[in-house]
Amino acid sequence: MKKRLRHRVRVIGILFAFAVAILPTTFAMLAGKNEARVTQAIHNVQLVAPDAAPRPASINDNVRAGTTVRTGSDSRVELAFTDRALARLGANSVLSFGEGEFDLANGSILLYLPKSSGGATINTAVATAAGAGFTAMAEYRPKSWIKFIVLEGHATVSLKHHPGETRALRAGQMIMVRLGATKLPETQDVDLSELMKTSLLVTGFPRLPNLNLILAEANNQQISPPSTRVIDPTGLEARDQRAATERGRASKPR
């Protein structure tokens, strides 16, 4: 009887030690998407906390879950999370976040999720994209369409009001969903090299931590082209891209 009791106590002790060991990790994964720091704020970026007036964002500002981040025209912002995830917003964007959820109400986002981050979901009113350890872009225009592009890794796209409609996306693929869609369209192959050169969500910020992986995927497209036509995914951050092109032309010697 005493031997059996000692065995139970030993098992309980092991389980308790295991629970104590994993608790900080579990808490860190949950807390990782609940707080961010502003690392870049270009032009007009506003932070709107619940029941508070909007205030301009500044470098190193802490942004907690539930706070809405807004950018104006020709404006961008980068948020760094405690689990090393990065979220970059383009012009005229509205985003809130919490518990691994990124709610994009308007505009464009680039989301980098390291494999240790536990994964996350980009939500819009039309569709969602979920994954772990990926880099993806999304552009949402209310009453019009939503676009998802995977730069590296994998993601799963689902229709918001038709959960049975899902589509897997791998690096170099895009899906564009129209308002009111009841079925997801086929994926398209995008030119990663062109996208990496033109989108200010990439070029307008410091180097991405996994840039080498993205460039490797772009190189794979050149070595082994997809069976379908590779398209130029311009339109994501189109306004900023046009502005960048015009600035480039103005700077060229005549």
Protein backbone atom coordinates (compact mmCIF):
# COMPACT_ATOMS: atom_id res chain seq x y z
CA MET A 1 0.00 0.00 0.00
CA LYS A 2 2.80 2.39 0.94
CA LYS A 3 4.69 1.49 -2.26
CA ARG A 4 1.59 2.25 -4.35
CA LEU A 5 1.12 5.59 -2.54
CA ARG A 6 4.76 6.54 -3.13
CA HIS A 7 4.34 5.69 -6.83
CA ARG A 8 1.26 7.93 -7.11
CA VAL A 9 3.05 10.77 -5.35
CA ARG A 10 6.01 10.36 -7.72
CA VAL A 11 3.73 10.44 -10.79
CA ILE A 12 1.88 13.50 -9.50
CA GLY A 13 5.20 15.20 -8.84
CA ILE A 14 6.41 14.51 -12.38
CA LEU A 15 3.17 15.80 -13.91
CA PHE A 16 3.32 18.94 -11.75
CA ALA A 17 6.94 19.58 -12.74
CA PHE A 18 6.01 19.13 -16.41
CA ALA A 19 3.09 21.55 -16.09
CA VAL A 20 5.29 24.14 -14.40
CA ALA A 21 7.91 23.71 -17.15
CA ILE A 22 5.50 24.25 -20.06
CA LEU A 23 3.38 26.98 -18.44
CA PRO A 24 5.79 29.85 -19.22
CA THR A 25 6.05 28.68 -22.84
CA THR A 26 2.28 28.39 -23.21
CA PHE A 27 1.76 31.79 -21.61
CA ALA A 28 4.39 33.33 -23.88
CA MET A 29 2.65 31.94 -26.98
CA LEU A 30 -0.67 33.38 -25.84
CA ALA A 31 0.84 36.71 -24.81
CA GLY A 32 3.03 36.96 -27.92
CA LYS A 33 0.23 38.37 -30.09
CA ASN A 34 -1.29 40.52 -27.33
CA GLU A 35 1.34 43.22 -27.23
CA ALA A 36 3.49 44.88 -29.86
CA ARG A 37 5.97 47.71 -30.20
CA VAL A 38 6.01 50.30 -32.97
CA THR A 39 9.33 49.93 -34.79
CA GLN A 40 8.54 52.10 -37.84
CA ALA A 41 5.96 54.86 -38.24
CA ILE A 42 5.96 56.74 -41.54
CA HIS A 43 3.81 59.85 -41.92
CA ASN A 44 0.26 59.60 -40.54
CA VAL A 45 -0.13 56.62 -38.17
CA GLN A 46 -2.77 56.69 -35.43
CA LEU A 47 -3.33 54.44 -32.41
CA VAL A 48 -6.90 54.21 -31.10
CA ALA A 49 -7.20 52.42 -27.75
CA PRO A 50 -10.68 51.41 -26.48
CA ASP A 51 -12.58 54.41 -25.07
CA ALA A 52 -9.71 56.75 -25.94
CA ALA A 53 -9.10 59.45 -28.51
CA PRO A 54 -6.76 58.68 -31.43
CA ARG A 55 -3.12 59.58 -30.85
CA PRO A 56 -0.13 59.70 -33.21
CA ALA A 57 2.09 56.62 -33.13
CA SER A 58 5.75 57.05 -32.23
CA ILE A 59 8.72 54.70 -32.38
CA ASN A 60 8.79 52.32 -29.36
CA ASP A 61 5.15 52.94 -28.45
CA ASN A 62 3.57 49.86 -26.86
CA VAL A 63 0.40 48.67 -28.60
CA ARG A 64 -1.86 46.32 -26.66
CA ALA A 65 -4.54 43.94 -27.90
CA GLY A 66 -7.76 45.75 -28.75
CA THR A 67 -5.99 48.89 -29.94
CA THR A 68 -6.80 49.88 -33.53
CA VAL A 69 -3.89 50.92 -35.74
CA ARG A 70 -4.71 53.27 -38.62
CA THR A 71 -2.56 54.63 -41.42
CA GLY A 72 -3.30 57.55 -43.70
CA SER A 73 -2.46 58.02 -47.36
CA ASP A 74 1.21 57.45 -48.23
CA SER A 75 1.72 56.15 -44.66
CA ARG A 76 3.09 52.89 -43.27
CA VAL A 77 3.83 51.28 -39.91
CA GLU A 78 5.62 48.20 -38.58
CA LEU A 79 4.70 46.41 -35.34
CA ALA A 80 7.08 43.95 -33.64
CA PHE A 81 5.50 41.40 -31.30
CA THR A 82 7.01 39.73 -28.27
CA ASP A 83 7.12 36.36 -30.08
CA ARG A 84 9.22 38.00 -32.89
CA ALA A 85 6.28 38.18 -35.32
CA LEU A 86 6.11 41.31 -37.49
CA ALA A 87 3.09 43.09 -38.94
CA ARG A 88 3.49 45.83 -41.54
CA LEU A 89 0.60 47.99 -42.69
CA GLY A 90 0.43 49.92 -45.93
CA ALA A 91 -1.41 53.13 -46.73
CA ASN A 92 -5.05 53.64 -45.68
CA SER A 93 -5.13 50.53 -43.50
CA VAL A 94 -7.05 49.67 -40.32
CA LEU A 95 -5.92 46.79 -38.10
CA SER A 96 -6.58 45.41 -34.63
CA PHE A 97 -5.13 42.24 -33.08
CA GLY A 98 -5.21 39.83 -30.15
CA GLU A 99 -4.81 36.11 -29.25
CA GLY A 100 -3.23 35.22 -32.60
CA GLU A 101 -5.92 37.08 -34.57
CA PHE A 102 -5.17 39.97 -36.93
CA ASP A 103 -8.37 41.75 -37.95
CA LEU A 104 -7.86 43.74 -41.15
CA ALA A 105 -10.79 46.12 -41.64
CA ASN A 106 -9.24 47.89 -44.62
CA GLY A 107 -5.98 48.21 -46.51
CA SER A 108 -2.96 45.92 -46.69
CA ILE A 109 -0.75 43.94 -44.35
CA LEU A 110 2.44 41.91 -44.52
CA LEU A 111 2.60 39.38 -41.68
CA TYR A 112 5.78 37.51 -40.77
CA LEU A 113 5.35 34.58 -38.38
CA PRO A 114 8.45 32.73 -37.20
CA LYS A 115 7.95 29.00 -36.74
CA SER A 116 8.17 29.45 -32.95
CA SER A 117 5.26 31.92 -32.86
CA GLY A 118 2.45 29.36 -32.67
CA GLY A 119 0.65 30.59 -35.78
CA ALA A 120 -2.02 33.21 -36.43
CA THR A 121 -5.01 34.15 -38.57
CA ILE A 122 -5.59 37.18 -40.78
CA ASN A 123 -9.31 37.98 -40.61
CA THR A 124 -11.43 40.07 -42.96
CA ALA A 125 -15.18 40.31 -43.40
CA VAL A 126 -14.92 38.17 -46.54
CA ALA A 127 -12.28 35.49 -45.87
CA THR A 128 -9.51 34.42 -43.51
CA ALA A 129 -5.98 33.09 -43.94
CA ALA A 130 -4.37 30.96 -41.23
CA GLY A 131 -0.98 29.33 -40.84
CA ALA A 132 2.13 28.86 -38.75
CA GLY A 133 5.64 29.86 -39.66
CA PHE A 134 4.78 31.78 -42.84
CA THR A 135 5.08 35.19 -44.45
CA ALA A 136 1.98 36.44 -46.21
CA MET A 137 0.43 39.58 -47.62
CA ALA A 138 -3.23 40.48 -47.60
CA GLU A 139 -5.11 43.37 -49.15
CA TYR A 140 -8.75 44.00 -48.31
CA ARG A 141 -11.05 46.52 -49.92
CA PRO A 142 -14.49 46.53 -48.24
CA LYS A 143 -17.42 45.99 -50.59
CA SER A 144 -14.98 44.85 -53.26
CA TRP A 145 -12.44 42.00 -52.74
CA ILE A 146 -9.76 40.39 -50.59
CA LYS A 147 -6.37 39.21 -51.84
CA PHE A 148 -3.95 36.82 -50.06
CA ILE A 149 -0.38 36.13 -51.21
CA VAL A 150 2.04 33.70 -49.53
CA LEU A 151 5.70 34.71 -49.81
CA GLU A 152 7.13 31.82 -47.80
CA GLY A 153 5.62 28.84 -46.01
CA HIS A 154 1.99 27.69 -46.28
CA ALA A 155 -1.44 29.07 -45.36
CA THR A 156 -5.06 27.97 -45.58
CA VAL A 157 -7.70 30.39 -46.87
CA SER A 158 -11.35 29.99 -45.88
CA LEU A 159 -14.54 31.85 -46.77
CA LYS A 160 -15.97 33.56 -43.71
CA HIS A 161 -19.61 32.54 -44.23
CA HIS A 162 -18.89 29.25 -46.04
CA PRO A 163 -16.43 27.44 -43.73
CA GLY A 164 -16.40 24.35 -45.93
CA GLU A 165 -14.76 26.40 -48.68
CA THR A 166 -11.00 26.25 -48.06
CA ARG A 167 -7.94 26.49 -50.28
CA ALA A 168 -4.28 25.75 -49.44
CA LEU A 169 -1.71 28.33 -50.52
CA ARG A 170 2.02 27.71 -50.83
CA ALA A 171 4.86 30.16 -51.42
CA GLY A 172 4.39 32.12 -54.64
CA GLN A 173 0.63 31.66 -54.80
CA MET A 174 -2.21 34.17 -54.55
CA ILE A 175 -5.96 33.95 -54.24
CA MET A 176 -8.35 36.82 -54.91
CA VAL A 177 -11.88 36.56 -53.50
CA ARG A 178 -14.70 38.82 -54.64
CA LEU A 179 -17.41 40.20 -52.40
CA GLY A 180 -20.34 37.80 -52.04
CA ALA A 181 -18.37 34.77 -53.25
CA THR A 182 -19.80 31.40 -52.21
CA LYS A 183 -16.86 29.43 -53.62
CA LEU A 184 -13.16 30.09 -53.59
CA PRO A 185 -11.52 30.61 -56.98
CA GLU A 186 -8.44 28.75 -58.15
CA THR A 187 -5.07 29.95 -56.92
CA GLN A 188 -2.73 31.92 -59.18
CA ASP A 189 1.07 31.88 -59.35
CA VAL A 190 2.64 35.27 -58.75
CA ASP A 191 6.05 36.62 -59.63
CA LEU A 192 7.77 36.73 -56.25
CA SER A 193 10.84 38.50 -57.65
CA GLU A 194 8.71 41.32 -59.02
CA LEU A 195 6.66 41.59 -55.85
CA MET A 196 9.77 41.80 -53.66
CA LYS A 197 11.07 44.64 -55.84
CA THR A 198 7.88 46.70 -56.00
CA SER A 199 5.93 46.42 -52.74
CA LEU A 200 6.77 49.06 -50.14
CA LEU A 201 5.69 46.57 -47.49
CA VAL A 202 9.04 44.97 -48.35
CA THR A 203 11.26 47.72 -49.74
CA GLY A 204 9.99 50.49 -47.46
CA PHE A 205 11.14 48.75 -44.28
CA PRO A 206 14.28 47.07 -42.92
CA ARG A 207 15.23 43.62 -44.18
CA LEU A 208 12.80 40.83 -43.24
CA PRO A 209 14.30 38.23 -40.87
CA ASN A 210 13.52 35.44 -43.36
CA LEU A 211 14.35 37.32 -46.56
CA ASN A 212 16.77 34.59 -47.66
CA LEU A 213 13.95 32.03 -47.56
CA ILE A 214 11.68 34.25 -49.66
CA LEU A 215 14.44 34.93 -52.19
CA ALA A 216 15.08 31.18 -52.37
CA GLU A 217 11.40 30.65 -53.26
CA ALA A 218 11.67 33.38 -55.90
CA ASN A 219 14.76 31.68 -57.32
CA ASN A 220 12.93 28.35 -57.42
CA GLN A 221 10.31 29.98 -59.63
CA GLN A 222 13.04 30.89 -62.10
CA ILE A 223 14.64 27.43 -62.05
CA SER A 224 11.38 25.45 -62.14
CA PRO A 225 8.61 27.73 -63.46
CA PRO A 226 5.03 26.83 -62.45
CA SER A 227 2.87 25.09 -65.03
CA THR A 228 0.56 28.11 -65.10
CA ARG A 229 1.48 31.63 -66.15
CA VAL A 230 3.27 33.64 -63.45
CA ILE A 231 1.52 36.99 -63.03
CA ASP A 232 2.77 40.33 -61.82
CA PRO A 233 0.86 40.87 -58.55
CA THR A 234 0.78 44.65 -58.78
CA GLY A 235 -2.23 46.09 -57.03
CA LEU A 236 -1.06 45.25 -53.53
CA GLU A 237 -0.11 48.68 -52.27
CA ALA A 238 -0.81 50.01 -55.77
CA ARG A 239 -0.98 53.63 -54.66
CA ASP A 240 2.41 53.46 -52.96
CA GLN A 241 3.88 51.58 -55.92
CA ARG A 242 2.68 54.25 -58.36
CA ALA A 243 4.16 56.94 -56.14
CA ALA A 244 7.46 55.05 -55.94
CA THR A 245 7.54 54.69 -59.75
CA GLU A 246 6.91 58.39 -60.24
CA ARG A 247 9.64 59.29 -57.76
CA GLY A 248 11.99 56.90 -59.58
CA ARG A 249 11.26 58.51 -62.96
CA ALA A 250 11.77 61.99 -61.52
CA SER A 251 15.19 60.98 -60.14
CA LYS A 252 16.47 59.54 -63.46
CA PRO A 253 18.88 61.80 -65.41
CA ARG A 254 17.41 63.26 -68.56
